[in-house]
Amino acid sequence: MNRTVRSELLQVLPPLEVEAILASTGIIENLPVQLQDKVRSIFGRGYNLQMSVMIGFAVAQLPATALMWTRDPVMVAK
């Protein structure tokens, strides 16, 4: 997410401001209103991308779990 957000923010803001925003998102309040909306939109897209990747990993785990499933569980003797 950070790489995507950083690259998109660099198209809108100077590098020093991008680093400041990535360090603390509270700095967004100091930007002009139009830029605030644009920066929030960029962060929103980054968050959505991150969630899509996480959902992809969760879905990929389902077949792996199904392949490990057995009717008779392996018991380990004590």
Protein backbone atom coordinates (compact mmCIF):
# COMPACT_ATOMS: atom_id res chain seq x y z
CA MET A 1 0.00 0.00 0.00
CA ASN A 2 2.73 2.47 0.93
CA ARG A 3 4.50 2.16 -2.41
CA THR A 4 1.30 2.79 -4.35
CA VAL A 5 0.21 5.68 -2.14
CA ARG A 6 3.67 7.25 -2.23
CA SER A 7 3.94 7.09 -6.01
CA GLU A 8 0.49 8.61 -6.48
CA LEU A 9 1.10 11.33 -3.88
CA LEU A 10 4.36 12.29 -5.59
CA GLN A 11 2.33 13.16 -8.69
CA VAL A 12 0.32 15.69 -6.65
CA LEU A 13 2.66 16.94 -3.90
CA PRO A 14 6.36 17.74 -3.46
CA PRO A 15 8.50 14.96 -1.92
CA LEU A 16 8.90 16.69 1.47
CA GLU A 17 5.14 17.01 1.91
CA VAL A 18 4.63 13.39 0.84
CA GLU A 19 7.09 12.19 3.48
CA ALA A 20 5.40 14.37 6.11
CA ILE A 21 1.95 13.01 5.22
CA LEU A 22 3.19 9.41 5.27
CA ALA A 23 4.71 10.05 8.71
CA SER A 24 1.52 11.63 10.07
CA THR A 25 -1.77 11.83 8.23
CA GLY A 26 -2.86 14.70 10.48
CA ILE A 27 -0.90 17.00 8.16
CA ILE A 28 -3.61 16.52 5.53
CA GLU A 29 -5.69 19.08 7.45
CA ASN A 30 -3.11 21.78 6.62
CA LEU A 31 -3.50 21.30 2.86
CA PRO A 32 -5.94 23.27 0.69
CA VAL A 33 -9.40 21.69 0.51
CA GLN A 34 -9.02 20.45 -3.07
CA LEU A 35 -5.73 18.78 -2.24
CA GLN A 36 -7.20 17.27 0.93
CA ASP A 37 -9.86 15.54 -1.14
CA LYS A 38 -7.31 14.30 -3.66
CA VAL A 39 -4.95 12.98 -0.95
CA ARG A 40 -7.81 11.26 0.88
CA SER A 41 -8.91 9.70 -2.39
CA ILE A 42 -5.38 8.37 -2.95
CA PHE A 43 -5.30 6.89 0.54
CA GLY A 44 -8.73 5.36 -0.06
CA ARG A 45 -7.58 3.66 -3.27
CA GLY A 46 -4.48 2.38 -1.47
CA TYR A 47 -6.62 0.96 1.32
CA ASN A 48 -8.97 -0.69 -1.18
CA LEU A 49 -5.98 -2.25 -2.97
CA GLN A 50 -4.64 -3.55 0.34
CA MET A 51 -8.02 -5.09 1.22
CA SER A 52 -8.29 -6.70 -2.23
CA VAL A 53 -4.88 -8.31 -1.78
CA MET A 54 -5.81 -9.58 1.68
CA ILE A 55 -9.09 -11.02 0.36
CA GLY A 56 -7.09 -12.72 -2.41
CA PHE A 57 -4.80 -14.36 0.15
CA ALA A 58 -7.80 -15.47 2.21
CA VAL A 59 -9.47 -17.01 -0.83
CA ALA A 60 -6.21 -18.74 -1.82
CA GLN A 61 -6.10 -20.40 1.60
CA LEU A 62 -9.41 -22.20 1.03
CA PRO A 63 -8.08 -24.73 -1.52
CA ALA A 64 -4.94 -25.23 0.55
CA THR A 65 -7.07 -26.00 3.60
CA ALA A 66 -9.28 -28.34 1.59
CA LEU A 67 -6.23 -30.25 0.37
CA MET A 68 -5.01 -30.75 3.95
CA TRP A 69 -8.38 -32.00 5.20
CA THR A 70 -8.62 -35.72 6.09
CA ARG A 71 -11.47 -37.79 7.50
CA ASP A 72 -9.23 -39.53 9.99
CA PRO A 73 -7.06 -36.99 11.77
CA VAL A 74 -3.49 -38.01 12.48
CA MET A 75 -3.04 -38.66 16.19
CA VAL A 76 0.30 -38.23 17.86
CA ALA A 77 1.05 -40.67 20.66
CA LYS A 78 2.18 -39.18 23.95
